[in-house]
């Protein structure tokens, strides 16, 4: 059954937003290569990688979009399997795109790569958690737009936090390590939201009963 789901799942993926997010992220990371006057400091690299990570996360916010979700065809595959299959199919490509972004930043401008990768993973996990929560609590077949807006709102809120609670600190700042402890906490929260949101959507205050009504997508 798992193998039979791969082809229809691939066909159902929202390629436009996913590709746009990856390409935008790579173009942002490539700016120091095409604009040498932009600067090659870790501060500049951190800003560019954060913008790149945000662009990729915004693209992945549309991962669960599936207009055919409103169809009433019954399938034996539960929603958790379909959702995790989508994520598994995109994970290697997302990792490849992020690796490309890291390599595009000049060596002298690279901030601590493990820490900025934690930020990128957290942004992506948050986007996916928001999308899954939207599907879980509503009949929305295309949660990507709401998830993207929610992610942007959270990022803006994070930028407005006072220094002692800040997330977007500069490399070399005394708050760098503490900030990434907070990033790890946000990641844990996003994973929890994802885990509780993946089951079948709620309908009228309770889980949907009866057959699983969905397409081969999510």
N, C-alpha and C. Protein backbone atom coordinates (compact mmCIF):
# COMPACT_ATOMS: atom_id res chain seq x y z
N UNK A 1 0.83 -1.21 0.00
CA UNK A 1 0.00 0.00 0.00
C UNK A 1 0.86 1.25 0.00
N UNK A 2 1.96 1.21 0.79
CA UNK A 2 2.83 2.38 0.88
C UNK A 2 3.39 2.75 -0.48
N UNK A 3 3.89 1.73 -1.21
CA UNK A 3 4.44 1.98 -2.52
C UNK A 3 3.41 2.54 -3.48
N UNK A 4 2.18 2.05 -3.40
CA UNK A 4 1.13 2.51 -4.30
C UNK A 4 0.76 3.97 -4.06
N UNK A 5 1.07 4.49 -2.88
CA UNK A 5 0.73 5.88 -2.57
C UNK A 5 1.74 6.88 -3.11
N UNK A 6 2.94 6.41 -3.41
CA UNK A 6 4.02 7.35 -3.74
C UNK A 6 3.70 8.15 -5.00
N UNK A 7 3.30 7.46 -6.07
CA UNK A 7 3.06 8.18 -7.34
C UNK A 7 1.94 9.21 -7.22
N UNK A 8 0.75 8.87 -6.70
CA UNK A 8 -0.30 9.90 -6.58
C UNK A 8 0.09 11.01 -5.61
N UNK A 9 0.88 10.68 -4.59
CA UNK A 9 1.31 11.72 -3.65
C UNK A 9 2.24 12.70 -4.33
N UNK A 10 3.17 12.19 -5.14
CA UNK A 10 4.07 13.06 -5.89
C UNK A 10 3.29 13.97 -6.83
N UNK A 11 2.29 13.40 -7.50
CA UNK A 11 1.48 14.20 -8.42
C UNK A 11 0.71 15.30 -7.69
N UNK A 12 0.33 15.03 -6.44
CA UNK A 12 -0.50 15.98 -5.70
C UNK A 12 0.30 17.08 -5.02
N UNK A 13 1.63 16.97 -5.00
CA UNK A 13 2.43 17.97 -4.33
C UNK A 13 2.28 19.33 -5.00
N UNK A 14 2.19 20.41 -4.22
CA UNK A 14 2.08 21.76 -4.79
C UNK A 14 3.45 22.25 -5.27
N UNK A 15 3.82 21.89 -6.47
CA UNK A 15 5.18 22.14 -6.95
C UNK A 15 5.51 23.63 -7.04
N UNK A 16 4.53 24.45 -7.43
CA UNK A 16 4.79 25.88 -7.61
C UNK A 16 5.36 26.55 -6.36
N UNK A 17 4.62 26.54 -5.24
CA UNK A 17 5.14 27.18 -4.03
C UNK A 17 6.44 26.54 -3.52
N UNK A 18 6.53 25.22 -3.61
CA UNK A 18 7.73 24.55 -3.13
C UNK A 18 8.95 24.97 -3.93
N UNK A 19 8.81 25.00 -5.25
CA UNK A 19 9.92 25.40 -6.11
C UNK A 19 10.25 26.88 -5.92
N UNK A 20 9.22 27.71 -5.80
CA UNK A 20 9.46 29.14 -5.62
C UNK A 20 10.22 29.42 -4.33
N UNK A 21 9.86 28.72 -3.26
CA UNK A 21 10.56 28.91 -2.00
C UNK A 21 12.01 28.51 -2.08
N UNK A 22 12.28 27.35 -2.71
CA UNK A 22 13.65 26.87 -2.82
C UNK A 22 14.50 27.79 -3.70
N UNK A 23 13.95 28.19 -4.84
CA UNK A 23 14.71 29.05 -5.76
C UNK A 23 14.98 30.41 -5.12
N UNK A 24 13.98 30.98 -4.47
CA UNK A 24 14.18 32.27 -3.82
C UNK A 24 15.24 32.17 -2.74
N UNK A 25 15.18 31.11 -1.94
CA UNK A 25 16.18 30.94 -0.90
C UNK A 25 17.58 30.84 -1.45
N UNK A 26 17.76 30.10 -2.55
CA UNK A 26 19.08 29.95 -3.15
C UNK A 26 19.55 31.26 -3.77
N UNK A 27 18.65 32.00 -4.38
CA UNK A 27 19.03 33.29 -4.95
C UNK A 27 19.49 34.27 -3.88
N UNK A 28 18.81 34.28 -2.75
CA UNK A 28 19.21 35.17 -1.66
C UNK A 28 20.60 34.79 -1.16
N UNK A 29 20.83 33.50 -0.98
CA UNK A 29 22.14 33.05 -0.50
C UNK A 29 23.24 33.34 -1.50
N UNK A 30 22.90 33.42 -2.79
CA UNK A 30 23.90 33.66 -3.83
C UNK A 30 24.26 35.14 -3.98
N UNK A 31 23.56 36.03 -3.29
CA UNK A 31 23.81 37.46 -3.48
C UNK A 31 25.27 37.86 -3.27
N UNK A 32 25.96 37.35 -2.24
CA UNK A 32 27.37 37.76 -2.10
C UNK A 32 28.24 37.34 -3.27
N UNK A 33 27.84 36.31 -4.00
CA UNK A 33 28.61 35.87 -5.16
C UNK A 33 28.46 36.81 -6.34
N UNK A 34 27.28 37.41 -6.47
CA UNK A 34 27.02 38.29 -7.61
C UNK A 34 27.15 39.76 -7.24
N UNK A 35 27.14 40.06 -5.94
CA UNK A 35 27.30 41.44 -5.46
C UNK A 35 28.42 41.47 -4.43
N UNK A 36 29.67 41.46 -4.89
CA UNK A 36 30.80 41.40 -3.95
C UNK A 36 30.82 42.53 -2.94
N UNK A 37 30.26 43.69 -3.29
CA UNK A 37 30.26 44.82 -2.37
C UNK A 37 29.28 44.65 -1.22
N UNK A 38 28.49 43.57 -1.27
CA UNK A 38 27.51 43.35 -0.22
C UNK A 38 28.17 43.09 1.13
N UNK A 39 29.39 42.58 1.12
CA UNK A 39 30.10 42.31 2.36
C UNK A 39 30.19 40.83 2.64
N UNK A 40 31.26 40.44 3.31
CA UNK A 40 31.47 39.03 3.63
C UNK A 40 31.77 38.88 5.11
N UNK A 41 30.86 39.34 5.93
CA UNK A 41 31.00 39.19 7.38
C UNK A 41 29.99 38.16 7.87
N UNK A 42 30.25 37.55 9.02
CA UNK A 42 29.27 36.60 9.57
C UNK A 42 27.90 37.24 9.82
N UNK A 43 27.90 38.53 10.14
CA UNK A 43 26.61 39.20 10.34
C UNK A 43 25.81 39.23 9.05
N UNK A 44 26.49 39.57 7.95
CA UNK A 44 25.81 39.58 6.65
C UNK A 44 25.36 38.17 6.27
N UNK A 45 26.25 37.19 6.49
CA UNK A 45 25.89 35.82 6.18
C UNK A 45 24.70 35.33 6.97
N UNK A 46 24.64 35.71 8.25
CA UNK A 46 23.52 35.28 9.09
C UNK A 46 22.20 35.87 8.58
N UNK A 47 22.23 37.15 8.20
CA UNK A 47 21.01 37.78 7.68
C UNK A 47 20.55 37.09 6.41
N UNK A 48 21.49 36.85 5.49
CA UNK A 48 21.12 36.23 4.22
C UNK A 48 20.60 34.80 4.42
N UNK A 49 21.24 34.06 5.30
CA UNK A 49 20.79 32.69 5.53
C UNK A 49 19.44 32.66 6.23
N UNK A 50 19.19 33.62 7.08
CA UNK A 50 17.88 33.68 7.73
C UNK A 50 16.78 34.01 6.73
N UNK A 51 17.06 34.94 5.82
CA UNK A 51 16.08 35.25 4.78
C UNK A 51 15.89 34.04 3.87
N UNK A 52 16.99 33.37 3.54
CA UNK A 52 16.91 32.16 2.71
C UNK A 52 16.08 31.09 3.40
N UNK A 53 16.34 30.86 4.68
CA UNK A 53 15.59 29.85 5.43
C UNK A 53 14.11 30.20 5.50
N UNK A 54 13.81 31.48 5.67
CA UNK A 54 12.41 31.90 5.73
C UNK A 54 11.72 31.66 4.39
N UNK A 55 12.41 31.98 3.29
CA UNK A 55 11.81 31.77 1.97
C UNK A 55 11.51 30.29 1.75
N UNK A 56 12.45 29.44 2.11
CA UNK A 56 12.22 28.00 1.93
C UNK A 56 11.10 27.50 2.84
N UNK A 57 11.05 28.00 4.06
CA UNK A 57 9.99 27.59 4.98
C UNK A 57 8.62 28.05 4.49
N UNK A 58 8.56 29.25 3.90
CA UNK A 58 7.29 29.73 3.36
C UNK A 58 6.83 28.84 2.21
N UNK A 59 7.76 28.38 1.39
CA UNK A 59 7.38 27.45 0.33
C UNK A 59 6.86 26.15 0.90
N UNK A 60 7.54 25.62 1.92
CA UNK A 60 7.12 24.36 2.53
C UNK A 60 5.84 24.49 3.33
N UNK A 61 5.43 25.71 3.65
CA UNK A 61 4.15 25.91 4.34
C UNK A 61 2.98 25.40 3.50
N UNK A 62 3.20 25.30 2.18
CA UNK A 62 2.14 24.85 1.27
C UNK A 62 2.18 23.34 1.04
N UNK A 63 3.04 22.62 1.77
CA UNK A 63 3.21 21.20 1.53
C UNK A 63 1.91 20.40 1.65
N UNK A 64 1.05 20.78 2.57
CA UNK A 64 -0.18 20.02 2.80
C UNK A 64 -1.36 20.48 1.95
N UNK A 65 -1.14 21.46 1.07
CA UNK A 65 -2.22 21.92 0.21
C UNK A 65 -2.69 20.77 -0.69
N UNK A 66 -4.00 20.55 -0.72
CA UNK A 66 -4.56 19.48 -1.53
C UNK A 66 -6.02 19.80 -1.83
N UNK A 67 -6.28 20.47 -2.97
CA UNK A 67 -7.66 20.83 -3.30
C UNK A 67 -8.60 19.63 -3.34
N UNK A 68 -8.07 18.43 -3.62
CA UNK A 68 -8.93 17.26 -3.72
C UNK A 68 -9.33 16.70 -2.36
N UNK A 69 -8.89 17.35 -1.28
CA UNK A 69 -9.26 16.87 0.04
C UNK A 69 -10.78 16.90 0.24
N UNK A 70 -11.47 17.77 -0.47
CA UNK A 70 -12.92 17.88 -0.30
C UNK A 70 -13.66 16.72 -0.95
N UNK A 71 -12.97 15.91 -1.70
CA UNK A 71 -13.63 14.77 -2.33
C UNK A 71 -14.01 13.74 -1.27
N UNK A 72 -14.95 12.92 -1.58
CA UNK A 72 -15.45 11.95 -0.61
C UNK A 72 -14.99 10.53 -0.89
N UNK A 73 -13.97 10.38 -1.70
CA UNK A 73 -13.46 9.05 -1.98
C UNK A 73 -12.82 8.47 -0.72
N UNK A 74 -13.17 7.24 -0.39
CA UNK A 74 -12.62 6.57 0.78
C UNK A 74 -11.35 5.83 0.40
N UNK A 75 -10.28 6.04 1.17
CA UNK A 75 -9.03 5.33 0.92
C UNK A 75 -8.62 4.59 2.18
N UNK A 76 -7.91 3.47 2.05
CA UNK A 76 -7.49 2.72 3.23
C UNK A 76 -6.34 3.37 3.97
N UNK A 77 -5.65 4.32 3.36
CA UNK A 77 -4.50 4.98 4.00
C UNK A 77 -5.00 6.12 4.88
N UNK A 78 -4.63 6.10 6.14
CA UNK A 78 -5.03 7.18 7.04
C UNK A 78 -4.26 8.46 6.77
N UNK A 79 -4.78 9.55 7.27
CA UNK A 79 -4.15 10.84 7.05
C UNK A 79 -2.72 10.89 7.58
N UNK A 80 -2.41 10.36 8.77
CA UNK A 80 -1.01 10.42 9.23
C UNK A 80 -0.03 9.82 8.24
N UNK A 81 -0.40 8.70 7.61
CA UNK A 81 0.49 8.09 6.64
C UNK A 81 0.68 9.00 5.44
N UNK A 82 -0.40 9.58 4.94
CA UNK A 82 -0.29 10.44 3.76
C UNK A 82 0.52 11.70 4.06
N UNK A 83 0.29 12.27 5.23
CA UNK A 83 1.02 13.48 5.60
C UNK A 83 2.50 13.20 5.77
N UNK A 84 2.82 12.15 6.48
CA UNK A 84 4.23 11.83 6.69
C UNK A 84 4.92 11.41 5.40
N UNK A 85 4.18 10.82 4.48
CA UNK A 85 4.76 10.48 3.19
C UNK A 85 5.13 11.74 2.43
N UNK A 86 4.26 12.73 2.46
CA UNK A 86 4.59 14.01 1.81
C UNK A 86 5.87 14.60 2.41
N UNK A 87 5.92 14.62 3.72
CA UNK A 87 7.10 15.19 4.39
C UNK A 87 8.36 14.40 4.05
N UNK A 88 8.24 13.08 4.02
CA UNK A 88 9.40 12.24 3.73
C UNK A 88 9.89 12.44 2.31
N UNK A 89 8.98 12.64 1.38
CA UNK A 89 9.38 12.85 -0.01
C UNK A 89 10.11 14.17 -0.20
N UNK A 90 9.71 15.19 0.56
CA UNK A 90 10.31 16.51 0.41
C UNK A 90 11.55 16.72 1.27
N UNK A 91 11.72 15.94 2.33
CA UNK A 91 12.83 16.17 3.25
C UNK A 91 14.19 16.14 2.56
N UNK A 92 14.51 15.14 1.72
CA UNK A 92 15.83 15.15 1.07
C UNK A 92 16.03 16.36 0.16
N UNK A 93 14.99 16.77 -0.55
CA UNK A 93 15.12 17.93 -1.44
C UNK A 93 15.29 19.21 -0.64
N UNK A 94 14.57 19.32 0.49
CA UNK A 94 14.72 20.49 1.34
C UNK A 94 16.13 20.55 1.92
N UNK A 95 16.64 19.40 2.35
CA UNK A 95 18.00 19.36 2.89
C UNK A 95 19.02 19.72 1.81
N UNK A 96 18.80 19.28 0.60
CA UNK A 96 19.71 19.60 -0.51
C UNK A 96 19.70 21.10 -0.80
N UNK A 97 18.49 21.69 -0.82
CA UNK A 97 18.39 23.13 -1.08
C UNK A 97 19.08 23.93 0.01
N UNK A 98 18.90 23.53 1.26
CA UNK A 98 19.53 24.25 2.37
C UNK A 98 21.05 24.09 2.31
N UNK A 99 21.53 22.90 1.98
CA UNK A 99 22.97 22.69 1.84
C UNK A 99 23.54 23.60 0.75
N UNK A 100 22.79 23.73 -0.34
CA UNK A 100 23.22 24.64 -1.39
C UNK A 100 23.31 26.07 -0.92
N UNK A 101 22.33 26.49 -0.11
CA UNK A 101 22.36 27.86 0.42
C UNK A 101 23.58 28.07 1.31
N UNK A 102 23.89 27.10 2.14
CA UNK A 102 25.07 27.22 3.01
C UNK A 102 26.35 27.33 2.19
N UNK A 103 26.46 26.56 1.12
CA UNK A 103 27.66 26.57 0.30
C UNK A 103 27.78 27.85 -0.52
N UNK A 104 26.65 28.47 -0.85
CA UNK A 104 26.69 29.70 -1.62
C UNK A 104 27.22 30.89 -0.81
N UNK A 105 27.06 30.84 0.49
CA UNK A 105 27.60 31.90 1.34
C UNK A 105 29.12 31.76 1.38
N UNK A 106 29.87 32.82 1.08
CA UNK A 106 31.33 32.72 1.14
C UNK A 106 31.82 32.26 2.52
N UNK A 107 32.91 31.53 2.52
CA UNK A 107 33.41 30.94 3.76
C UNK A 107 33.58 31.99 4.86
N UNK A 108 34.11 33.17 4.51
CA UNK A 108 34.36 34.20 5.52
C UNK A 108 33.08 34.79 6.09
N UNK A 109 31.96 34.58 5.38
CA UNK A 109 30.70 35.17 5.81
C UNK A 109 29.78 34.16 6.49
N UNK A 110 30.26 32.95 6.68
CA UNK A 110 29.39 31.93 7.26
C UNK A 110 29.34 32.03 8.77
N UNK A 111 28.14 32.16 9.34
CA UNK A 111 27.99 32.08 10.80
C UNK A 111 28.08 30.61 11.22
N UNK A 112 28.02 30.30 12.51
CA UNK A 112 28.03 28.89 12.93
C UNK A 112 26.94 28.10 12.21
N UNK A 113 27.34 27.16 11.38
CA UNK A 113 26.38 26.49 10.49
C UNK A 113 25.37 25.64 11.24
N UNK A 114 25.79 24.97 12.30
CA UNK A 114 24.85 24.14 13.06
C UNK A 114 23.74 25.01 13.66
N UNK A 115 24.10 26.18 14.13
CA UNK A 115 23.10 27.05 14.77
C UNK A 115 22.13 27.63 13.75
N UNK A 116 22.64 28.09 12.59
CA UNK A 116 21.70 28.64 11.60
C UNK A 116 20.86 27.51 10.98
N UNK A 117 21.40 26.31 10.93
CA UNK A 117 20.60 25.18 10.46
C UNK A 117 19.48 24.87 11.45
N UNK A 118 19.76 24.99 12.74
CA UNK A 118 18.71 24.84 13.75
C UNK A 118 17.60 25.87 13.51
N UNK A 119 17.98 27.09 13.19
CA UNK A 119 16.98 28.12 12.89
C UNK A 119 16.15 27.73 11.67
N UNK A 120 16.82 27.25 10.62
CA UNK A 120 16.10 26.86 9.40
C UNK A 120 15.14 25.71 9.67
N UNK A 121 15.59 24.71 10.40
CA UNK A 121 14.73 23.57 10.72
C UNK A 121 13.53 24.03 11.55
N UNK A 122 13.77 24.94 12.48
CA UNK A 122 12.68 25.43 13.33
C UNK A 122 11.65 26.20 12.52
N UNK A 123 12.10 27.05 11.61
CA UNK A 123 11.17 27.79 10.77
C UNK A 123 10.33 26.84 9.93
N UNK A 124 10.98 25.83 9.35
CA UNK A 124 10.24 24.86 8.54
C UNK A 124 9.25 24.06 9.38
N UNK A 125 9.70 23.59 10.54
CA UNK A 125 8.81 22.83 11.42
C UNK A 125 7.62 23.67 11.86
N UNK A 126 7.86 24.95 12.12
CA UNK A 126 6.76 25.83 12.53
C UNK A 126 5.76 26.01 11.41
N UNK A 127 6.26 26.20 10.18
CA UNK A 127 5.36 26.34 9.04
C UNK A 127 4.51 25.09 8.85
N UNK A 128 5.13 23.92 8.94
CA UNK A 128 4.39 22.67 8.78
C UNK A 128 3.39 22.46 9.92
N UNK A 129 3.79 22.83 11.13
CA UNK A 129 2.88 22.69 12.27
C UNK A 129 1.66 23.58 12.11
N UNK A 130 1.87 24.81 11.63
CA UNK A 130 0.75 25.71 11.41
C UNK A 130 -0.18 25.17 10.33
N UNK A 131 0.39 24.62 9.26
CA UNK A 131 -0.44 24.04 8.20
C UNK A 131 -1.23 22.85 8.72
N UNK A 132 -0.57 21.96 9.47
CA UNK A 132 -1.25 20.78 10.00
C UNK A 132 -2.35 21.18 10.98
N UNK A 133 -2.08 22.19 11.80
CA UNK A 133 -3.09 22.64 12.75
C UNK A 133 -4.30 23.24 12.04
N UNK A 134 -4.06 23.93 10.93
CA UNK A 134 -5.17 24.49 10.15
C UNK A 134 -6.05 23.40 9.59
N UNK A 135 -5.43 22.34 9.05
CA UNK A 135 -6.20 21.21 8.52
C UNK A 135 -6.94 20.49 9.63
N UNK A 136 -6.28 20.36 10.76
CA UNK A 136 -6.86 19.63 11.90
C UNK A 136 -8.13 20.30 12.42
N UNK A 137 -8.15 21.62 12.41
CA UNK A 137 -9.24 22.34 13.06
C UNK A 137 -10.24 22.97 12.09
N UNK A 138 -10.06 22.73 10.80
CA UNK A 138 -10.98 23.34 9.84
C UNK A 138 -11.13 22.42 8.64
N UNK A 139 -11.98 22.83 7.73
CA UNK A 139 -12.18 22.06 6.50
C UNK A 139 -11.34 22.63 5.36
N UNK A 140 -10.38 23.47 5.68
CA UNK A 140 -9.57 24.13 4.66
C UNK A 140 -8.69 23.12 3.91
N UNK A 141 -8.89 22.97 2.60
CA UNK A 141 -8.07 22.02 1.85
C UNK A 141 -6.69 22.56 1.48
N UNK A 142 -6.53 23.88 1.55
CA UNK A 142 -5.26 24.49 1.18
C UNK A 142 -4.80 25.42 2.32
N UNK A 143 -4.16 24.86 3.33
CA UNK A 143 -3.78 25.64 4.51
C UNK A 143 -2.51 26.45 4.32
N UNK A 144 -1.87 26.35 3.17
CA UNK A 144 -0.57 26.97 2.98
C UNK A 144 -0.56 28.47 3.20
N UNK A 145 -1.56 29.15 2.66
CA UNK A 145 -1.57 30.61 2.78
C UNK A 145 -1.69 31.04 4.23
N UNK A 146 -2.59 30.40 4.97
CA UNK A 146 -2.75 30.74 6.38
C UNK A 146 -1.48 30.42 7.16
N UNK A 147 -0.84 29.29 6.84
CA UNK A 147 0.39 28.91 7.53
C UNK A 147 1.51 29.90 7.22
N UNK A 148 1.60 30.35 5.97
CA UNK A 148 2.63 31.30 5.59
C UNK A 148 2.43 32.64 6.30
N UNK A 149 1.20 33.10 6.35
CA UNK A 149 0.91 34.36 7.06
C UNK A 149 1.23 34.21 8.54
N UNK A 150 0.85 33.08 9.12
CA UNK A 150 1.14 32.85 10.53
C UNK A 150 2.63 32.81 10.80
N UNK A 151 3.39 32.17 9.91
CA UNK A 151 4.84 32.12 10.09
C UNK A 151 5.45 33.51 10.01
N UNK A 152 5.02 34.29 9.04
CA UNK A 152 5.54 35.66 8.93
C UNK A 152 5.22 36.47 10.18
N UNK A 153 4.01 36.31 10.71
CA UNK A 153 3.64 37.03 11.92
C UNK A 153 4.52 36.62 13.09
N UNK A 154 4.81 35.33 13.21
CA UNK A 154 5.66 34.86 14.29
C UNK A 154 7.09 35.37 14.14
N UNK A 155 7.58 35.42 12.91
CA UNK A 155 8.94 35.93 12.67
C UNK A 155 9.02 37.41 13.04
N UNK A 156 8.03 38.18 12.62
CA UNK A 156 8.03 39.60 12.97
C UNK A 156 7.97 39.76 14.48
N UNK A 157 7.12 38.95 15.13
CA UNK A 157 7.05 39.01 16.59
C UNK A 157 8.39 38.65 17.23
N UNK A 158 9.07 37.65 16.66
CA UNK A 158 10.38 37.27 17.19
C UNK A 158 11.40 38.36 17.04
N UNK A 159 11.31 39.13 15.97
CA UNK A 159 12.25 40.23 15.75
C UNK A 159 12.02 41.38 16.72
N UNK A 160 10.81 41.47 17.26
CA UNK A 160 10.47 42.57 18.18
C UNK A 160 10.71 42.22 19.64
N UNK A 161 11.14 41.01 19.90
CA UNK A 161 11.39 40.61 21.29
C UNK A 161 12.56 41.39 21.87
N UNK A 162 12.52 41.67 23.16
CA UNK A 162 13.69 42.32 23.80
C UNK A 162 14.91 41.42 23.73
N UNK A 163 16.08 42.04 23.89
CA UNK A 163 17.35 41.31 23.70
C UNK A 163 17.44 40.05 24.56
N UNK A 164 16.97 40.12 25.79
CA UNK A 164 17.14 38.96 26.67
C UNK A 164 16.27 37.79 26.26
N UNK A 165 15.26 38.03 25.43
CA UNK A 165 14.42 36.94 24.92
C UNK A 165 14.55 36.78 23.40
N UNK A 166 15.49 37.48 22.82
CA UNK A 166 15.59 37.54 21.37
C UNK A 166 15.95 36.21 20.72
N UNK A 167 15.56 36.07 19.48
CA UNK A 167 15.89 34.90 18.67
C UNK A 167 16.90 35.25 17.58
N UNK A 168 16.70 36.40 16.96
CA UNK A 168 17.53 36.78 15.82
C UNK A 168 18.70 37.65 16.28
N UNK A 169 19.64 37.02 16.96
CA UNK A 169 20.80 37.75 17.46
C UNK A 169 21.94 37.62 16.47
N UNK A 170 22.89 38.54 16.55
CA UNK A 170 24.02 38.55 15.62
C UNK A 170 25.10 37.56 16.05
N UNK A 171 25.80 36.97 15.11
CA UNK A 171 26.93 36.11 15.47
C UNK A 171 27.94 36.88 16.32
N UNK A 172 28.45 36.23 17.34
CA UNK A 172 29.39 36.88 18.24
C UNK A 172 28.73 37.56 19.41
N UNK A 173 27.39 37.67 19.38
CA UNK A 173 26.68 38.29 20.49
C UNK A 173 26.75 37.39 21.72
N UNK A 174 26.85 37.98 22.92
CA UNK A 174 26.81 37.17 24.14
C UNK A 174 25.52 36.36 24.27
N UNK A 175 24.48 36.78 23.57
CA UNK A 175 23.19 36.10 23.64
C UNK A 175 23.06 34.97 22.61
N UNK A 176 24.10 34.72 21.82
CA UNK A 176 23.99 33.75 20.73
C UNK A 176 23.59 32.36 21.22
N UNK A 177 24.33 31.85 22.20
CA UNK A 177 24.03 30.50 22.69
C UNK A 177 22.67 30.42 23.36
N UNK A 178 22.33 31.43 24.18
CA UNK A 178 21.03 31.44 24.84
C UNK A 178 19.90 31.53 23.81
N UNK A 179 20.11 32.32 22.77
CA UNK A 179 19.09 32.46 21.74
C UNK A 179 18.83 31.12 21.05
N UNK A 180 19.88 30.35 20.84
CA UNK A 180 19.67 29.08 20.16
C UNK A 180 19.11 28.01 21.10
N UNK A 181 19.24 28.22 22.38
CA UNK A 181 18.48 27.40 23.32
C UNK A 181 17.00 27.68 23.16
N UNK A 182 16.65 28.95 22.94
CA UNK A 182 15.25 29.29 22.71
C UNK A 182 14.76 28.76 21.37
N UNK A 183 15.64 28.78 20.35
CA UNK A 183 15.26 28.19 19.07
C UNK A 183 14.92 26.71 19.24
N UNK A 184 15.73 26.01 20.04
CA UNK A 184 15.47 24.58 20.28
C UNK A 184 14.12 24.38 20.97
N UNK A 185 13.76 25.29 21.89
CA UNK A 185 12.48 25.19 22.57
C UNK A 185 11.32 25.42 21.60
N UNK A 186 11.50 26.40 20.69
CA UNK A 186 10.45 26.63 19.68
C UNK A 186 10.31 25.42 18.77
N UNK A 187 11.42 24.81 18.41
CA UNK A 187 11.37 23.60 17.58
C UNK A 187 10.61 22.48 18.29
N UNK A 188 10.88 22.29 19.57
CA UNK A 188 10.17 21.25 20.33
C UNK A 188 8.67 21.54 20.35
N UNK A 189 8.29 22.80 20.52
CA UNK A 189 6.87 23.16 20.53
C UNK A 189 6.23 22.89 19.17
N UNK A 190 6.96 23.21 18.08
CA UNK A 190 6.43 22.98 16.74
C UNK A 190 6.23 21.49 16.48
N UNK A 191 7.17 20.67 16.94
CA UNK A 191 7.04 19.22 16.76
C UNK A 191 5.83 18.69 17.51
N UNK A 192 5.58 19.21 18.71
CA UNK A 192 4.42 18.79 19.48
C UNK A 192 3.12 19.17 18.77
N UNK A 193 3.07 20.40 18.26
CA UNK A 193 1.87 20.85 17.53
C UNK A 193 1.65 19.97 16.30
N UNK A 194 2.73 19.67 15.58
CA UNK A 194 2.62 18.78 14.42
C UNK A 194 2.06 17.42 14.83
N UNK A 195 2.61 16.86 15.91
CA UNK A 195 2.21 15.51 16.33
C UNK A 195 0.73 15.44 16.70
N UNK A 196 0.23 16.47 17.37
CA UNK A 196 -1.18 16.43 17.78
C UNK A 196 -2.12 16.85 16.65
N UNK A 197 -1.56 17.45 15.58
CA UNK A 197 -2.40 17.94 14.49
C UNK A 197 -2.50 16.98 13.32
N UNK A 198 -1.63 15.97 13.25
CA UNK A 198 -1.61 15.07 12.12
C UNK A 198 -2.82 14.13 12.06
N UNK A 199 -3.40 13.68 13.19
CA UNK A 199 -4.58 12.82 13.09
C UNK A 199 -5.71 13.44 12.29
N UNK A 200 -6.71 12.64 11.98
CA UNK A 200 -7.82 13.09 11.16
C UNK A 200 -8.41 14.39 11.70
N UNK A 201 -8.80 15.32 10.79
CA UNK A 201 -9.31 16.63 11.22
C UNK A 201 -10.51 16.51 12.15
N UNK A 202 -10.61 17.49 13.03
CA UNK A 202 -11.76 17.57 13.93
C UNK A 202 -12.96 18.07 13.16
N UNK A 203 -14.10 17.55 13.49
CA UNK A 203 -15.36 18.01 12.90
C UNK A 203 -16.37 18.20 14.02
N UNK A 204 -16.80 19.45 14.19
CA UNK A 204 -17.80 19.78 15.20
C UNK A 204 -17.34 19.33 16.58
N UNK A 205 -16.10 19.65 16.88
CA UNK A 205 -15.61 19.41 18.23
C UNK A 205 -15.12 18.03 18.51
N UNK A 206 -15.11 17.13 17.56
CA UNK A 206 -14.63 15.78 17.81
C UNK A 206 -14.01 15.18 16.60
N UNK A 207 -13.30 14.08 16.78
CA UNK A 207 -12.67 13.44 15.63
C UNK A 207 -13.72 12.94 14.65
N UNK A 208 -13.37 12.97 13.40
CA UNK A 208 -14.27 12.46 12.39
C UNK A 208 -14.36 10.95 12.50
N UNK A 209 -15.53 10.41 12.42
CA UNK A 209 -15.71 8.96 12.51
C UNK A 209 -16.06 8.42 11.15
N UNK A 210 -16.09 7.10 11.09
CA UNK A 210 -16.44 6.47 9.84
C UNK A 210 -15.22 6.32 8.96
N UNK A 211 -15.44 6.16 7.66
CA UNK A 211 -14.37 5.96 6.72
C UNK A 211 -13.50 7.19 6.61
N UNK A 212 -12.32 6.98 6.14
CA UNK A 212 -11.38 8.08 5.94
C UNK A 212 -11.68 8.67 4.58
N UNK A 213 -12.07 9.93 4.60
CA UNK A 213 -12.47 10.55 3.35
C UNK A 213 -11.38 11.49 2.92
N UNK A 214 -10.69 11.12 1.91
CA UNK A 214 -9.62 11.96 1.38
C UNK A 214 -9.19 11.40 0.05
N UNK A 215 -8.38 12.18 -0.59
CA UNK A 215 -7.80 11.71 -1.84
C UNK A 215 -6.48 11.05 -1.54
N UNK A 216 -5.73 10.74 -2.55
CA UNK A 216 -4.42 10.12 -2.32
C UNK A 216 -3.46 11.13 -1.75
N UNK A 217 -3.83 12.41 -1.72
CA UNK A 217 -3.00 13.41 -1.06
C UNK A 217 -3.32 13.44 0.40
N UNK A 218 -3.30 14.65 1.02
CA UNK A 218 -3.52 14.76 2.46
C UNK A 218 -4.92 15.20 2.75
